[in-house]
C-alpha atoms as a PDB file:
ATOM      1  CA  MET A   1       0.559 -10.121  21.937  1.00  0.00           C
ATOM      2  CA  ARG A   2       0.557  -7.422  19.136  1.00  0.00           C
ATOM      3  CA  ALA A   3      -2.272  -5.972  17.296  1.00  0.00           C
ATOM      4  CA  ALA A   4      -2.571  -6.686  13.428  1.00  0.00           C
ATOM      5  CA  GLY A   5      -0.664  -3.900  11.499  1.00  0.00           C
ATOM      6  CA  SER A   6       1.609  -2.922  14.376  1.00  0.00           C
ATOM      7  CA  LEU A   7       5.386  -3.418  14.889  1.00  0.00           C
ATOM      8  CA  THR A   8       7.927  -3.164  17.489  1.00  0.00           C
ATOM      9  CA  VAL A   9      11.301  -1.479  17.225  1.00  0.00           C
ATOM     10  CA  LYS A  10      13.222  -4.923  16.767  1.00  0.00           C
ATOM     11  CA  ASP A  11      10.716  -5.808  14.003  1.00  0.00           C
ATOM     12  CA  TYR A  12      11.534  -2.485  12.161  1.00  0.00           C
ATOM     13  CA  SER A  13      15.301  -2.971  12.836  1.00  0.00           C
ATOM     14  CA  ARG A  14      15.366  -6.402  11.340  1.00  0.00           C
ATOM     15  CA  ALA A  15      13.446  -5.180   8.054  1.00  0.00           C
ATOM     16  CA  LEU A  16      15.487  -1.960   7.919  1.00  0.00           C
ATOM     17  CA  PHE A  17      18.702  -3.589   8.184  1.00  0.00           C
ATOM     18  CA  THR A  18      17.792  -6.856   6.654  1.00  0.00           C
ATOM     19  CA  THR A  19      19.155  -9.097   9.434  1.00  0.00           C
ATOM     20  CA  ASP A  20      17.739 -11.393  12.000  1.00  0.00           C
ATOM     21  CA  LYS A  21      19.939 -10.281  14.660  1.00  0.00           C
ATOM     22  CA  PRO A  22      20.132  -6.323  14.637  1.00  0.00           C
ATOM     23  CA  THR A  23      22.968  -4.935  16.684  1.00  0.00           C
ATOM     24  CA  PRO A  24      22.094  -2.536  19.589  1.00  0.00           C
ATOM     25  CA  ASN A  25      23.039   0.239  17.531  1.00  0.00           C
ATOM     26  CA  GLU A  26      20.900  -0.740  14.619  1.00  0.00           C
ATOM     27  CA  VAL A  27      17.985  -1.236  17.024  1.00  0.00           C
ATOM     28  CA  GLU A  28      18.487   2.489  18.472  1.00  0.00           C
ATOM     29  CA  LYS A  29      18.626   3.856  14.639  1.00  0.00           C
ATOM     30  CA  ALA A  30      15.365   2.247  14.116  1.00  0.00           C
ATOM     31  CA  ARG A  31      13.863   3.773  17.253  1.00  0.00           C
ATOM     32  CA  ARG A  32      14.828   7.141  16.318  1.00  0.00           C
ATOM     33  CA  LYS A  33      13.348   6.796  13.040  1.00  0.00           C
ATOM     34  CA  LEU A  34      10.288   5.488  14.232  1.00  0.00           C
ATOM     35  CA  ASP A  35      10.061   8.105  16.901  1.00  0.00           C
ATOM     36  CA  ALA A  36      10.793  10.644  14.193  1.00  0.00           C
ATOM     37  CA  LEU A  37       7.663   9.238  12.116  1.00  0.00           C
ATOM     38  CA  VAL A  38       5.690   9.649  15.337  1.00  0.00           C
ATOM     39  CA  ARG A  39       6.560  13.268  15.808  1.00  0.00           C
ATOM     40  CA  LYS A  40       5.713  13.845  11.927  1.00  0.00           C
ATOM     41  CA  GLY A  41       2.310  12.375  12.657  1.00  0.00           C
ATOM     42  CA  SER A  42       2.902   9.404  10.262  1.00  0.00           C
ATOM     43  CA  LEU A  43       3.062   6.625  13.181  1.00  0.00           C
ATOM     44  CA  VAL A  44       1.335   6.450  16.617  1.00  0.00           C
ATOM     45  CA  LYS A  45       3.117   4.733  19.466  1.00  0.00           C
ATOM     46  CA  ALA A  46       1.151   2.546  21.534  1.00  0.00           C
ATOM     47  CA  ASP A  47       0.633   3.680  25.166  1.00  0.00           C
ATOM     48  CA  GLN A  48       2.134   1.156  27.676  1.00  0.00           C
ATOM     49  CA  ALA A  49       0.875   0.857  31.271  1.00  0.00           C
ATOM     50  CA  PRO A  50       3.291   1.585  34.183  1.00  0.00           C
ATOM     51  CA  GLY A  51       5.611  -1.119  34.746  1.00  0.00           C
ATOM     52  CA  ASP A  52       4.825  -2.955  31.528  1.00  0.00           C
ATOM     53  CA  LYS A  53       7.815  -4.640  30.229  1.00  0.00           C
ATOM     54  CA  SER A  54       6.409  -5.623  26.806  1.00  0.00           C
ATOM     55  CA  PRO A  55       8.171  -3.716  23.758  1.00  0.00           C
ATOM     56  CA  ALA A  56       6.423  -0.514  22.556  1.00  0.00           C
ATOM     57  CA  THR A  57       4.412  -0.765  19.443  1.00  0.00           C
ATOM     58  CA  TYR A  58       3.944   1.655  16.496  1.00  0.00           C
ATOM     59  CA  HIS A  59       1.115   1.568  14.018  1.00  0.00           C
ATOM     60  CA  ALA A  60      -0.450   3.930  11.526  1.00  0.00           C
ATOM     61  CA  PRO A  61      -2.815   6.570  12.648  1.00  0.00           C
ATOM     62  CA  GLU A  62      -6.597   6.240  12.191  1.00  0.00           C
ATOM     63  CA  ALA A  63      -7.768   8.467   9.345  1.00  0.00           C
ATOM     64  CA  PRO A  64      -9.954  11.014  11.012  1.00  0.00           C
ATOM     65  CA  ILE A  65     -13.460  11.291   9.588  1.00  0.00           C
ATOM     66  CA  THR A  66     -14.066  15.007   8.631  1.00  0.00           C
ATOM     67  CA  ALA A  67     -16.905  15.222   6.377  1.00  0.00           C
ATOM     68  CA  PRO A  68     -18.523  13.066   3.776  1.00  0.00           C
ATOM     69  CA  ILE A  69     -17.080  13.052   0.231  1.00  0.00           C
ATOM     70  CA  THR A  70     -19.695  14.472  -2.089  1.00  0.00           C
ATOM     71  CA  ALA A  71     -20.209  13.344  -5.788  1.00  0.00           C
ATOM     72  CA  ARG A  72     -18.391  16.253  -6.881  1.00  0.00           C
ATOM     73  CA  GLU A  73     -15.441  15.753  -4.760  1.00  0.00           C
ATOM     74  CA  ALA A  74     -15.217  12.062  -5.918  1.00  0.00           C
ATOM     75  CA  ALA A  75     -15.107  12.778  -9.578  1.00  0.00           C
END
């Protein structure tokens, strides 16, 4: 079961290549793109337990809370 707002490599490859059955090459291209976004910090790859056979999931990073926004900054 996947968390809301997350996607798998297959989900992304289906959307990226607009097909219900992406080829193995399309799936790998999608994986490389997702992994590049993880390295950039735009996505987070969910940790899997050793031996877990379910597909890896990716999701947006949680926004860190650094400081409250003041009225001056909001204007």
